[in-house]
PDB file of all heavy atoms in Angstrom:
ATOM      1  N   TYR A   1       7.595  -3.000  18.652  1.00  0.00           N
ATOM      2  CA  TYR A   1       8.134  -3.392  17.390  1.00  0.00           C
ATOM      3  C   TYR A   1       7.260  -3.596  16.314  1.00  0.00           C
ATOM      4  O   TYR A   1       7.567  -3.183  15.119  1.00  0.00           O
ATOM      5  CB  TYR A   1       9.061  -4.674  17.666  1.00  0.00           C
ATOM      6  CG  TYR A   1       9.911  -5.067  16.442  1.00  0.00           C
ATOM      7  CD1 TYR A   1      11.219  -4.633  16.372  1.00  0.00           C
ATOM      8  CD2 TYR A   1       9.390  -5.858  15.421  1.00  0.00           C
ATOM      9  CE1 TYR A   1      11.982  -5.023  15.173  1.00  0.00           C
ATOM     10  CE2 TYR A   1      10.154  -6.297  14.391  1.00  0.00           C
ATOM     11  CZ  TYR A   1      11.508  -5.803  14.258  1.00  0.00           C
ATOM     12  OH  TYR A   1      12.310  -6.178  13.140  1.00  0.00           O
ATOM     13  N   LEU A   2       6.201  -4.294  16.610  1.00  0.00           N
ATOM     14  CA  LEU A   2       5.235  -4.651  15.443  1.00  0.00           C
ATOM     15  C   LEU A   2       4.492  -3.345  14.901  1.00  0.00           C
ATOM     16  O   LEU A   2       4.286  -3.206  13.678  1.00  0.00           O
ATOM     17  CB  LEU A   2       4.198  -5.645  16.036  1.00  0.00           C
ATOM     18  CG  LEU A   2       4.701  -7.010  16.374  1.00  0.00           C
ATOM     19  CD1 LEU A   2       3.771  -7.828  17.184  1.00  0.00           C
ATOM     20  CD2 LEU A   2       5.101  -7.792  15.114  1.00  0.00           C
ATOM     21  N   LEU A   3       4.124  -2.492  15.755  1.00  0.00           N
ATOM     22  CA  LEU A   3       3.477  -1.296  15.231  1.00  0.00           C
ATOM     23  C   LEU A   3       4.432  -0.422  14.514  1.00  0.00           C
ATOM     24  O   LEU A   3       4.060   0.061  13.442  1.00  0.00           O
ATOM     25  CB  LEU A   3       2.786  -0.417  16.528  1.00  0.00           C
ATOM     26  CG  LEU A   3       2.157   0.785  16.089  1.00  0.00           C
ATOM     27  CD1 LEU A   3       1.039   0.397  15.134  1.00  0.00           C
ATOM     28  CD2 LEU A   3       1.483   1.479  17.350  1.00  0.00           C
ATOM     29  N   ASP A   4       5.730  -0.268  14.936  1.00  0.00           N
ATOM     30  CA  ASP A   4       6.747   0.424  14.188  1.00  0.00           C
ATOM     31  C   ASP A   4       6.921  -0.152  12.733  1.00  0.00           C
ATOM     32  O   ASP A   4       6.882   0.495  11.844  1.00  0.00           O
ATOM     33  CB  ASP A   4       8.021   0.358  14.804  1.00  0.00           C
ATOM     34  CG  ASP A   4       9.097   1.091  14.188  1.00  0.00           C
ATOM     35  OD1 ASP A   4       8.954   2.450  14.071  1.00  0.00           O
ATOM     36  OD2 ASP A   4      10.150   0.440  13.637  1.00  0.00           O
ATOM     37  N   ALA A   5       7.003  -1.542  12.767  1.00  0.00           N
ATOM     38  CA  ALA A   5       7.091  -2.310  11.443  1.00  0.00           C
ATOM     39  C   ALA A   5       5.794  -2.097  10.468  1.00  0.00           C
ATOM     40  O   ALA A   5       5.925  -1.810   9.332  1.00  0.00           O
ATOM     41  CB  ALA A   5       7.274  -3.751  11.697  1.00  0.00           C
ATOM     42  N   TYR A   6       4.693  -2.014  11.154  1.00  0.00           N
ATOM     43  CA  TYR A   6       3.327  -2.018  10.494  1.00  0.00           C
ATOM     44  C   TYR A   6       3.295  -0.656   9.898  1.00  0.00           C
ATOM     45  O   TYR A   6       2.826  -0.411   8.623  1.00  0.00           O
ATOM     46  CB  TYR A   6       2.194  -2.270  11.335  1.00  0.00           C
ATOM     47  CG  TYR A   6       0.740  -2.125  10.692  1.00  0.00           C
ATOM     48  CD1 TYR A   6       0.412  -2.670   9.680  1.00  0.00           C
ATOM     49  CD2 TYR A   6      -0.027  -1.254  11.407  1.00  0.00           C
ATOM     50  CE1 TYR A   6      -0.777  -2.531   9.082  1.00  0.00           C
ATOM     51  CE2 TYR A   6      -1.376  -1.044  10.800  1.00  0.00           C
ATOM     52  CZ  TYR A   6      -1.746  -1.684   9.673  1.00  0.00           C
ATOM     53  OH  TYR A   6      -2.937  -1.513   9.046  1.00  0.00           O
ATOM     54  N   GLU A   7       3.600   0.381  10.587  1.00  0.00           N
ATOM     55  CA  GLU A   7       3.624   1.771  10.132  1.00  0.00           C
ATOM     56  C   GLU A   7       4.619   2.025   9.030  1.00  0.00           C
ATOM     57  O   GLU A   7       4.289   2.873   8.102  1.00  0.00           O
ATOM     58  CB  GLU A   7       3.898   2.745  11.290  1.00  0.00           C
ATOM     59  CG  GLU A   7       3.693   4.229  10.957  1.00  0.00           C
ATOM     60  CD  GLU A   7       3.930   5.059  12.236  1.00  0.00           C
ATOM     61  OE1 GLU A   7       4.898   5.082  12.855  1.00  0.00           O
ATOM     62  OE2 GLU A   7       2.968   5.692  12.642  1.00  0.00           O
ATOM     63  N   ASP A   8       5.723   1.298   8.953  1.00  0.00           N
ATOM     64  CA  ASP A   8       6.800   1.523   8.023  1.00  0.00           C
ATOM     65  C   ASP A   8       6.721   0.691   6.812  1.00  0.00           C
ATOM     66  O   ASP A   8       7.742   0.528   6.058  1.00  0.00           O
ATOM     67  CB  ASP A   8       8.023   1.473   8.736  1.00  0.00           C
ATOM     68  CG  ASP A   8       8.324   2.669   9.689  1.00  0.00           C
ATOM     69  OD1 ASP A   8       7.657   3.589   9.614  1.00  0.00           O
ATOM     70  OD2 ASP A   8       9.341   2.596  10.461  1.00  0.00           O
ATOM     71  N   MET A   9       5.665  -0.209   6.725  1.00  0.00           N
ATOM     72  CA  MET A   9       5.590  -1.156   5.575  1.00  0.00           C
ATOM     73  C   MET A   9       6.010  -0.514   4.175  1.00  0.00           C
ATOM     74  O   MET A   9       6.867  -1.000   3.511  1.00  0.00           O
ATOM     75  CB  MET A   9       4.358  -1.793   5.535  1.00  0.00           C
ATOM     76  CG  MET A   9       4.172  -2.997   6.611  1.00  0.00           C
ATOM     77  SD  MET A   9       2.462  -3.594   6.509  1.00  0.00           S
ATOM     78  CE  MET A   9       2.403  -4.242   4.850  1.00  0.00           C
ATOM     79  N   GLU A  10       5.241   0.508   3.877  1.00  0.00           N
ATOM     80  CA  GLU A  10       5.424   1.180   2.472  1.00  0.00           C
ATOM     81  C   GLU A  10       6.730   1.716   2.348  1.00  0.00           C
ATOM     82  O   GLU A  10       7.383   1.522   1.286  1.00  0.00           O
ATOM     83  CB  GLU A  10       4.218   2.153   2.259  1.00  0.00           C
ATOM     84  CG  GLU A  10       2.842   1.424   2.158  1.00  0.00           C
ATOM     85  CD  GLU A  10       2.892   0.421   1.004  1.00  0.00           C
ATOM     86  OE1 GLU A  10       3.487   0.616   0.012  1.00  0.00           O
ATOM     87  OE2 GLU A  10       2.189  -0.605   1.315  1.00  0.00           O
ATOM     88  N   LYS A  11       7.280   2.402   3.433  1.00  0.00           N
ATOM     89  CA  LYS A  11       8.467   3.079   3.351  1.00  0.00           C
ATOM     90  C   LYS A  11       9.662   2.100   3.241  1.00  0.00           C
ATOM     91  O   LYS A  11      10.588   2.222   2.315  1.00  0.00           O
ATOM     92  CB  LYS A  11       8.739   3.963   4.523  1.00  0.00           C
ATOM     93  CG  LYS A  11      10.061   4.816   4.517  1.00  0.00           C
ATOM     94  CD  LYS A  11      10.278   5.470   5.878  1.00  0.00           C
ATOM     95  CE  LYS A  11      10.736   4.469   6.785  1.00  0.00           C
ATOM     96  NZ  LYS A  11      11.267   5.222   8.151  1.00  0.00           N
ATOM     97  N   ASP A  12       9.611   1.043   3.929  1.00  0.00           N
ATOM     98  CA  ASP A  12      10.623   0.006   3.949  1.00  0.00           C
ATOM     99  C   ASP A  12      10.712  -0.745   2.561  1.00  0.00           C
ATOM    100  O   ASP A  12      11.711  -1.133   2.099  1.00  0.00           O
ATOM    101  CB  ASP A  12      10.471  -0.991   4.987  1.00  0.00           C
ATOM    102  CG  ASP A  12      10.688  -0.458   6.436  1.00  0.00           C
ATOM    103  OD1 ASP A  12      11.512   0.636   6.418  1.00  0.00           O
ATOM    104  OD2 ASP A  12      10.192  -0.863   7.399  1.00  0.00           O
ATOM    105  N   LYS A  13       9.409  -0.918   2.015  1.00  0.00           N
ATOM    106  CA  LYS A  13       9.448  -1.676   0.725  1.00  0.00           C
ATOM    107  C   LYS A  13      10.016  -0.786  -0.350  1.00  0.00           C
ATOM    108  O   LYS A  13      10.720  -1.212  -1.297  1.00  0.00           O
ATOM    109  CB  LYS A  13       7.931  -1.956   0.373  1.00  0.00           C
ATOM    110  CG  LYS A  13       7.678  -2.744  -1.005  1.00  0.00           C
ATOM    111  CD  LYS A  13       6.174  -2.895  -1.312  1.00  0.00           C
ATOM    112  CE  LYS A  13       5.697  -3.991  -0.315  1.00  0.00           C
ATOM    113  NZ  LYS A  13       4.107  -4.216  -0.694  1.00  0.00           N
ATOM    114  N   LYS A  14       9.683   0.438  -0.334  1.00  0.00           N
ATOM    115  CA  LYS A  14      10.213   1.485  -1.322  1.00  0.00           C
ATOM    116  C   LYS A  14      11.718   1.625  -1.171  1.00  0.00           C
ATOM    117  O   LYS A  14      12.504   1.681  -2.140  1.00  0.00           O
ATOM    118  CB  LYS A  14       9.613   2.841  -1.071  1.00  0.00           C
ATOM    119  CG  LYS A  14      10.077   3.880  -2.024  1.00  0.00           C
ATOM    120  CD  LYS A  14       9.433   5.321  -1.702  1.00  0.00           C
ATOM    121  CE  LYS A  14       9.847   6.369  -2.652  1.00  0.00           C
ATOM    122  NZ  LYS A  14       9.196   7.661  -2.396  1.00  0.00           N
ATOM    123  N   ASN A  15      12.192   1.669   0.072  1.00  0.00           N
ATOM    124  CA  ASN A  15      13.783   1.611   0.427  1.00  0.00           C
ATOM    125  C   ASN A  15      14.467   0.322   0.329  1.00  0.00           C
ATOM    126  O   ASN A  15      15.668   0.317   0.602  1.00  0.00           O
ATOM    127  CB  ASN A  15      13.980   2.321   1.713  1.00  0.00           C
ATOM    128  CG  ASN A  15      13.502   3.817   1.771  1.00  0.00           C
ATOM    129  OD1 ASN A  15      13.301   4.453   0.745  1.00  0.00           O
ATOM    130  ND2 ASN A  15      13.129   4.359   2.967  1.00  0.00           N
ATOM    131  N   ASN A  16      13.779  -0.781   0.142  1.00  0.00           N
ATOM    132  CA  ASN A  16      14.340  -2.114   0.143  1.00  0.00           C
ATOM    133  C   ASN A  16      14.911  -2.370   1.546  1.00  0.00           C
ATOM    134  O   ASN A  16      15.906  -3.023   1.501  1.00  0.00           O
ATOM    135  CB  ASN A  16      15.331  -2.179  -0.980  1.00  0.00           C
ATOM    136  CG  ASN A  16      15.678  -3.690  -1.328  1.00  0.00           C
ATOM    137  OD1 ASN A  16      14.713  -4.549  -1.213  1.00  0.00           O
ATOM    138  ND2 ASN A  16      16.870  -4.041  -1.710  1.00  0.00           N
ATOM    139  N   SER A  17      14.242  -1.964   2.537  1.00  0.00           N
ATOM    140  CA  SER A  17      14.639  -2.249   3.887  1.00  0.00           C
ATOM    141  C   SER A  17      13.819  -3.361   4.490  1.00  0.00           C
ATOM    142  O   SER A  17      12.734  -3.658   4.104  1.00  0.00           O
ATOM    143  CB  SER A  17      14.554  -1.000   4.726  1.00  0.00           C
ATOM    144  OG  SER A  17      15.191   0.154   4.262  1.00  0.00           O
ATOM    145  N   TYR A  18      14.377  -4.015   5.462  1.00  0.00           N
ATOM    146  CA  TYR A  18      13.755  -5.130   6.099  1.00  0.00           C
ATOM    147  C   TYR A  18      12.575  -4.730   6.815  1.00  0.00           C
ATOM    148  O   TYR A  18      12.472  -3.683   7.470  1.00  0.00           O
ATOM    149  CB  TYR A  18      14.679  -5.857   7.163  1.00  0.00           C
ATOM    150  CG  TYR A  18      13.959  -6.939   7.929  1.00  0.00           C
ATOM    151  CD1 TYR A  18      13.731  -8.147   7.402  1.00  0.00           C
ATOM    152  CD2 TYR A  18      13.269  -6.668   9.182  1.00  0.00           C
ATOM    153  CE1 TYR A  18      13.112  -9.205   7.990  1.00  0.00           C
ATOM    154  CE2 TYR A  18      12.794  -7.701   9.904  1.00  0.00           C
ATOM    155  CZ  TYR A  18      12.656  -8.949   9.319  1.00  0.00           C
ATOM    156  OH  TYR A  18      11.942  -9.928   9.977  1.00  0.00           O
ATOM    157  N   ASN A  19      11.509  -5.349   6.542  1.00  0.00           N
ATOM    158  CA  ASN A  19      10.254  -5.290   7.358  1.00  0.00           C
ATOM    159  C   ASN A  19       9.583  -6.613   7.462  1.00  0.00           C
ATOM    160  O   ASN A  19       9.296  -7.342   6.331  1.00  0.00           O
ATOM    161  CB  ASN A  19       9.302  -4.316   6.735  1.00  0.00           C
ATOM    162  CG  ASN A  19       8.011  -3.865   7.581  1.00  0.00           C
ATOM    163  OD1 ASN A  19       7.307  -4.814   7.971  1.00  0.00           O
ATOM    164  ND2 ASN A  19       7.900  -2.603   7.874  1.00  0.00           N
ATOM    165  N   PRO A  20       9.382  -7.230   8.592  1.00  0.00           N
ATOM    166  CA  PRO A  20       8.729  -8.632   8.566  1.00  0.00           C
ATOM    167  C   PRO A  20       7.296  -8.783   7.994  1.00  0.00           C
ATOM    168  O   PRO A  20       7.006  -9.795   7.536  1.00  0.00           O
ATOM    169  CB  PRO A  20       8.696  -8.812  10.174  1.00  0.00           C
ATOM    170  CG  PRO A  20       8.634  -7.575  10.766  1.00  0.00           C
ATOM    171  CD  PRO A  20       9.447  -6.684   9.864  1.00  0.00           C
ATOM    172  N   PHE A  21       6.597  -7.604   8.052  1.00  0.00           N
ATOM    173  CA  PHE A  21       5.148  -7.767   7.337  1.00  0.00           C
ATOM    174  C   PHE A  21       5.268  -7.878   5.988  1.00  0.00           C
ATOM    175  O   PHE A  21       4.418  -8.350   5.319  1.00  0.00           O
ATOM    176  CB  PHE A  21       4.347  -6.512   7.775  1.00  0.00           C
ATOM    177  CG  PHE A  21       3.875  -6.541   9.209  1.00  0.00           C
ATOM    178  CD1 PHE A  21       4.374  -5.549  10.102  1.00  0.00           C
ATOM    179  CD2 PHE A  21       3.039  -7.541   9.615  1.00  0.00           C
ATOM    180  CE1 PHE A  21       3.904  -5.606  11.363  1.00  0.00           C
ATOM    181  CE2 PHE A  21       2.551  -7.514  11.006  1.00  0.00           C
ATOM    182  CZ  PHE A  21       3.020  -6.569  11.822  1.00  0.00           C
ATOM    183  N   ASN A  22       6.385  -7.327   5.332  1.00  0.00           N
ATOM    184  CA  ASN A  22       6.528  -7.423   3.881  1.00  0.00           C
ATOM    185  C   ASN A  22       7.065  -8.862   3.442  1.00  0.00           C
ATOM    186  O   ASN A  22       7.065  -9.137   2.244  1.00  0.00           O
ATOM    187  CB  ASN A  22       7.500  -6.377   3.372  1.00  0.00           C
ATOM    188  CG  ASN A  22       6.959  -5.013   3.454  1.00  0.00           C
ATOM    189  OD1 ASN A  22       5.775  -4.864   3.418  1.00  0.00           O
ATOM    190  ND2 ASN A  22       7.858  -4.027   3.684  1.00  0.00           N
ATOM    191  N   ASN A  23       7.360  -9.628   4.457  1.00  0.00           N
ATOM    192  CA  ASN A  23       7.883 -10.947   4.172  1.00  0.00           C
ATOM    193  C   ASN A  23       6.790 -12.009   4.317  1.00  0.00           C
ATOM    194  O   ASN A  23       7.129 -13.234   4.099  1.00  0.00           O
ATOM    195  CB  ASN A  23       9.135 -11.317   4.943  1.00  0.00           C
ATOM    196  CG  ASN A  23      10.302 -10.628   4.538  1.00  0.00           C
ATOM    197  OD1 ASN A  23      10.307  -9.949   3.471  1.00  0.00           O
ATOM    198  ND2 ASN A  23      11.431 -10.694   5.320  1.00  0.00           N
ATOM    199  N   ILE A  24       5.701 -11.624   4.887  1.00  0.00           N
ATOM    200  CA  ILE A  24       4.624 -12.558   5.169  1.00  0.00           C
ATOM    201  C   ILE A  24       3.436 -12.693   4.096  1.00  0.00           C
ATOM    202  O   ILE A  24       3.069 -11.785   3.584  1.00  0.00           O
ATOM    203  CB  ILE A  24       3.939 -12.163   6.540  1.00  0.00           C
ATOM    204  CG1 ILE A  24       4.855 -12.081   7.625  1.00  0.00           C
ATOM    205  CG2 ILE A  24       2.733 -13.133   6.778  1.00  0.00           C
ATOM    206  CD1 ILE A  24       4.242 -11.655   8.947  1.00  0.00           C
ATOM    207  N   ASN A  25       3.232 -13.992   3.689  1.00  0.00           N
ATOM    208  CA  ASN A  25       2.256 -14.196   2.533  1.00  0.00           C
ATOM    209  C   ASN A  25       0.999 -14.499   3.279  1.00  0.00           C
ATOM    210  O   ASN A  25       0.547 -15.648   3.611  1.00  0.00           O
ATOM    211  CB  ASN A  25       2.700 -15.357   1.883  1.00  0.00           C
ATOM    212  CG  ASN A  25       1.772 -15.605   0.598  1.00  0.00           C
ATOM    213  OD1 ASN A  25       1.023 -14.654   0.249  1.00  0.00           O
ATOM    214  ND2 ASN A  25       1.818 -16.771   0.102  1.00  0.00           N
ATOM    215  N   VAL A  26       0.104 -13.550   3.552  1.00  0.00           N
ATOM    216  CA  VAL A  26      -1.309 -13.535   3.993  1.00  0.00           C
ATOM    217  C   VAL A  26      -2.156 -12.832   3.129  1.00  0.00           C
ATOM    218  O   VAL A  26      -1.748 -11.821   2.477  1.00  0.00           O
ATOM    219  CB  VAL A  26      -1.378 -13.141   5.424  1.00  0.00           C
ATOM    220  CG1 VAL A  26      -0.560 -13.920   6.454  1.00  0.00           C
ATOM    221  CG2 VAL A  26      -0.987 -11.644   5.594  1.00  0.00           C
ATOM    222  N   GLN A  27      -3.462 -13.125   3.082  1.00  0.00           N
ATOM    223  CA  GLN A  27      -4.460 -12.564   2.232  1.00  0.00           C
ATOM    224  C   GLN A  27      -4.597 -11.018   2.546  1.00  0.00           C
ATOM    225  O   GLN A  27      -4.739 -10.224   1.689  1.00  0.00           O
ATOM    226  CB  GLN A  27      -5.750 -13.259   2.289  1.00  0.00           C
ATOM    227  CG  GLN A  27      -6.801 -12.860   1.198  1.00  0.00           C
ATOM    228  CD  GLN A  27      -7.964 -13.764   1.151  1.00  0.00           C
ATOM    229  OE1 GLN A  27      -8.117 -14.720   1.874  1.00  0.00           O
ATOM    230  NE2 GLN A  27      -8.808 -13.564   0.110  1.00  0.00           N
ATOM    231  N   ASN A  28      -4.855 -10.745   3.896  1.00  0.00           N
ATOM    232  CA  ASN A  28      -5.075  -9.282   4.270  1.00  0.00           C
ATOM    233  C   ASN A  28      -4.061  -8.980   5.386  1.00  0.00           C
ATOM    234  O   ASN A  28      -4.213  -9.242   6.540  1.00  0.00           O
ATOM    235  CB  ASN A  28      -6.595  -9.260   4.806  1.00  0.00           C
ATOM    236  CG  ASN A  28      -6.928  -7.736   4.959  1.00  0.00           C
ATOM    237  OD1 ASN A  28      -6.133  -6.999   5.410  1.00  0.00           O
ATOM    238  ND2 ASN A  28      -8.150  -7.440   4.666  1.00  0.00           N
ATOM    239  N   ILE A  29      -3.007  -8.358   4.905  1.00  0.00           N
ATOM    240  CA  ILE A  29      -1.836  -8.096   5.958  1.00  0.00           C
ATOM    241  C   ILE A  29      -2.247  -6.904   6.905  1.00  0.00           C
ATOM    242  O   ILE A  29      -1.859  -7.091   7.990  1.00  0.00           O
ATOM    243  CB  ILE A  29      -0.752  -7.475   5.048  1.00  0.00           C
ATOM    244  CG1 ILE A  29       0.516  -7.422   6.082  1.00  0.00           C
ATOM    245  CG2 ILE A  29      -0.931  -6.187   4.386  1.00  0.00           C
ATOM    246  CD1 ILE A  29       1.046  -8.794   6.487  1.00  0.00           C
ATOM    247  N   ASP A  30      -3.225  -6.088   6.668  1.00  0.00           N
ATOM    248  CA  ASP A  30      -3.718  -5.105   7.598  1.00  0.00           C
ATOM    249  C   ASP A  30      -4.462  -5.798   8.707  1.00  0.00           C
ATOM    250  O   ASP A  30      -4.284  -5.471   9.763  1.00  0.00           O
ATOM    251  CB  ASP A  30      -4.552  -4.082   6.800  1.00  0.00           C
ATOM    252  CG  ASP A  30      -3.835  -3.089   5.903  1.00  0.00           C
ATOM    253  OD1 ASP A  30      -2.755  -2.738   6.382  1.00  0.00           O
ATOM    254  OD2 ASP A  30      -4.278  -2.945   4.800  1.00  0.00           O
ATOM    255  N   GLU A  31      -5.342  -6.718   8.396  1.00  0.00           N
ATOM    256  CA  GLU A  31      -6.197  -7.363   9.383  1.00  0.00           C
ATOM    257  C   GLU A  31      -5.251  -8.277  10.232  1.00  0.00           C
ATOM    258  O   GLU A  31      -5.303  -8.325  11.446  1.00  0.00           O
ATOM    259  CB  GLU A  31      -7.245  -8.246   8.663  1.00  0.00           C
ATOM    260  CG  GLU A  31      -8.399  -7.404   8.275  1.00  0.00           C
ATOM    261  CD  GLU A  31      -9.057  -6.529   9.303  1.00  0.00           C
ATOM    262  OE1 GLU A  31      -9.269  -7.170  10.428  1.00  0.00           O
ATOM    263  OE2 GLU A  31      -9.332  -5.384   8.969  1.00  0.00           O
ATOM    264  N   TYR A  32      -4.356  -8.977   9.573  1.00  0.00           N
ATOM    265  CA  TYR A  32      -3.327  -9.765  10.304  1.00  0.00           C
ATOM    266  C   TYR A  32      -2.585  -8.987  11.268  1.00  0.00           C
ATOM    267  O   TYR A  32      -2.442  -9.285  12.458  1.00  0.00           O
ATOM    268  CB  TYR A  32      -2.407 -10.463   9.228  1.00  0.00           C
ATOM    269  CG  TYR A  32      -1.343 -11.235   9.896  1.00  0.00           C
ATOM    270  CD1 TYR A  32      -1.521 -12.523  10.439  1.00  0.00           C
ATOM    271  CD2 TYR A  32       0.040 -10.756  10.000  1.00  0.00           C
ATOM    272  CE1 TYR A  32      -0.527 -13.170  11.091  1.00  0.00           C
ATOM    273  CE2 TYR A  32       0.947 -11.488  10.570  1.00  0.00           C
ATOM    274  CZ  TYR A  32       0.832 -12.754  11.196  1.00  0.00           C
ATOM    275  OH  TYR A  32       1.701 -13.495  11.704  1.00  0.00           O
ATOM    276  N   ALA A  33      -2.087  -7.747  10.852  1.00  0.00           N
ATOM    277  CA  ALA A  33      -1.350  -6.889  11.728  1.00  0.00           C
ATOM    278  C   ALA A  33      -2.051  -6.391  12.964  1.00  0.00           C
ATOM    279  O   ALA A  33      -1.602  -6.436  14.051  1.00  0.00           O
ATOM    280  CB  ALA A  33      -0.770  -5.713  11.022  1.00  0.00           C
ATOM    281  N   LYS A  34      -3.223  -6.060  12.694  1.00  0.00           N
ATOM    282  CA  LYS A  34      -4.099  -5.470  13.765  1.00  0.00           C
ATOM    283  C   LYS A  34      -4.412  -6.649  14.776  1.00  0.00           C
ATOM    284  O   LYS A  34      -4.468  -6.407  15.949  1.00  0.00           O
ATOM    285  CB  LYS A  34      -5.400  -4.836  13.183  1.00  0.00           C
ATOM    286  CG  LYS A  34      -5.084  -3.482  12.648  1.00  0.00           C
ATOM    287  CD  LYS A  34      -6.379  -2.740  12.185  1.00  0.00           C
ATOM    288  CE  LYS A  34      -6.771  -3.101  10.726  1.00  0.00           C
ATOM    289  NZ  LYS A  34      -7.894  -2.383  10.231  1.00  0.00           N
ATOM    290  N   GLU A  35      -4.633  -7.816  14.212  1.00  0.00           N
ATOM    291  CA  GLU A  35      -4.989  -8.981  15.095  1.00  0.00           C
ATOM    292  C   GLU A  35      -3.840  -9.315  16.032  1.00  0.00           C
ATOM    293  O   GLU A  35      -4.011  -9.382  17.279  1.00  0.00           O
ATOM    294  CB  GLU A  35      -5.295 -10.235  14.259  1.00  0.00           C
ATOM    295  CG  GLU A  35      -6.661 -10.210  13.591  1.00  0.00           C
ATOM    296  CD  GLU A  35      -6.991 -11.391  12.883  1.00  0.00           C
ATOM    297  OE1 GLU A  35      -6.015 -12.267  12.857  1.00  0.00           O
ATOM    298  OE2 GLU A  35      -7.878 -11.437  12.157  1.00  0.00           O
ATOM    299  N   ILE A  36      -2.488  -9.407  15.588  1.00  0.00           N
ATOM    300  CA  ILE A  36      -1.398  -9.761  16.473  1.00  0.00           C
ATOM    301  C   ILE A  36      -1.182  -8.534  17.419  1.00  0.00           C
ATOM    302  O   ILE A  36      -0.656  -8.717  18.498  1.00  0.00           O
ATOM    303  CB  ILE A  36      -0.341 -10.101  15.662  1.00  0.00           C
ATOM    304  CG1 ILE A  36       0.303  -8.990  14.745  1.00  0.00           C
ATOM    305  CG2 ILE A  36      -0.493 -11.481  14.846  1.00  0.00           C
ATOM    306  CD1 ILE A  36       1.634  -9.435  13.975  1.00  0.00           C
ATOM    307  N   LEU A  37      -1.297  -7.204  16.882  1.00  0.00           N
ATOM    308  CA  LEU A  37      -1.209  -5.999  17.810  1.00  0.00           C
ATOM    309  C   LEU A  37      -2.186  -6.158  19.009  1.00  0.00           C
ATOM    310  O   LEU A  37      -1.735  -5.953  20.149  1.00  0.00           O
ATOM    311  CB  LEU A  37      -1.300  -4.861  17.008  1.00  0.00           C
ATOM    312  CG  LEU A  37      -0.145  -4.315  16.191  1.00  0.00           C
ATOM    313  CD1 LEU A  37      -0.657  -3.253  15.172  1.00  0.00           C
ATOM    314  CD2 LEU A  37       1.025  -4.020  16.925  1.00  0.00           C
ATOM    315  N   MET A  38      -3.410  -6.438  18.666  1.00  0.00           N
ATOM    316  CA  MET A  38      -4.446  -6.470  19.704  1.00  0.00           C
ATOM    317  C   MET A  38      -4.298  -7.702  20.609  1.00  0.00           C
ATOM    318  O   MET A  38      -4.429  -7.525  21.848  1.00  0.00           O
ATOM    319  CB  MET A  38      -5.790  -6.455  19.049  1.00  0.00           C
ATOM    320  CG  MET A  38      -6.278  -5.284  18.326  1.00  0.00           C
ATOM    321  SD  MET A  38      -6.209  -3.775  19.299  1.00  0.00           S
ATOM    322  CE  MET A  38      -7.458  -4.171  20.583  1.00  0.00           C
ATOM    323  N   LEU A  39      -3.772  -8.831  20.066  1.00  0.00           N
ATOM    324  CA  LEU A  39      -3.447  -9.945  20.901  1.00  0.00           C
ATOM    325  C   LEU A  39      -2.342  -9.557  21.921  1.00  0.00           C
ATOM    326  O   LEU A  39      -2.487  -9.928  23.088  1.00  0.00           O
ATOM    327  CB  LEU A  39      -2.961 -11.050  20.056  1.00  0.00           C
ATOM    328  CG  LEU A  39      -2.567 -12.387  20.751  1.00  0.00           C
ATOM    329  CD1 LEU A  39      -3.899 -12.968  21.471  1.00  0.00           C
ATOM    330  CD2 LEU A  39      -1.992 -13.454  19.798  1.00  0.00           C
ATOM    331  N   ASN A  40      -1.330  -8.976  21.535  1.00  0.00           N
ATOM    332  CA  ASN A  40      -0.260  -8.508  22.464  1.00  0.00           C
ATOM    333  C   ASN A  40      -0.719  -7.573  23.507  1.00  0.00           C
ATOM    334  O   ASN A  40      -0.382  -7.560  24.583  1.00  0.00           O
ATOM    335  CB  ASN A  40       0.984  -8.012  21.623  1.00  0.00           C
ATOM    336  CG  ASN A  40       1.949  -8.984  21.131  1.00  0.00           C
ATOM    337  OD1 ASN A  40       2.798  -9.535  21.801  1.00  0.00           O
ATOM    338  ND2 ASN A  40       1.789  -9.242  19.803  1.00  0.00           N
ATOM    339  N   LEU A  41      -1.601  -6.607  23.074  1.00  0.00           N
ATOM    340  CA  LEU A  41      -2.114  -5.672  23.989  1.00  0.00           C
ATOM    341  C   LEU A  41      -3.021  -6.378  25.086  1.00  0.00           C
ATOM    342  O   LEU A  41      -3.079  -5.976  26.168  1.00  0.00           O
ATOM    343  CB  LEU A  41      -2.980  -4.685  23.349  1.00  0.00           C
ATOM    344  CG  LEU A  41      -2.119  -3.496  22.557  1.00  0.00           C
ATOM    345  CD1 LEU A  41      -3.257  -2.621  21.796  1.00  0.00           C
ATOM    346  CD2 LEU A  41      -1.210  -2.798  23.509  1.00  0.00           C
ATOM    347  N   SER A  42      -3.731  -7.482  24.770  1.00  0.00           N
ATOM    348  CA  SER A  42      -4.579  -8.114  25.582  1.00  0.00           C
ATOM    349  C   SER A  42      -3.602  -8.905  26.651  1.00  0.00           C
ATOM    350  O   SER A  42      -3.828  -8.915  27.930  1.00  0.00           O
ATOM    351  CB  SER A  42      -5.332  -9.146  25.058  1.00  0.00           C
ATOM    352  OG  SER A  42      -4.587 -10.297  24.309  1.00  0.00           O
TER     353      SER A  42
END
């Protein structure tokens, strides 16, 4: 779910579609996304 959302961030923003990453206020969204993806993989 998270990787699908991360991959579709720009498309979802353009289409005004829901994406949890676009709703999060963090300084570096790419690093944040990769961190939680790697955490789940561990």
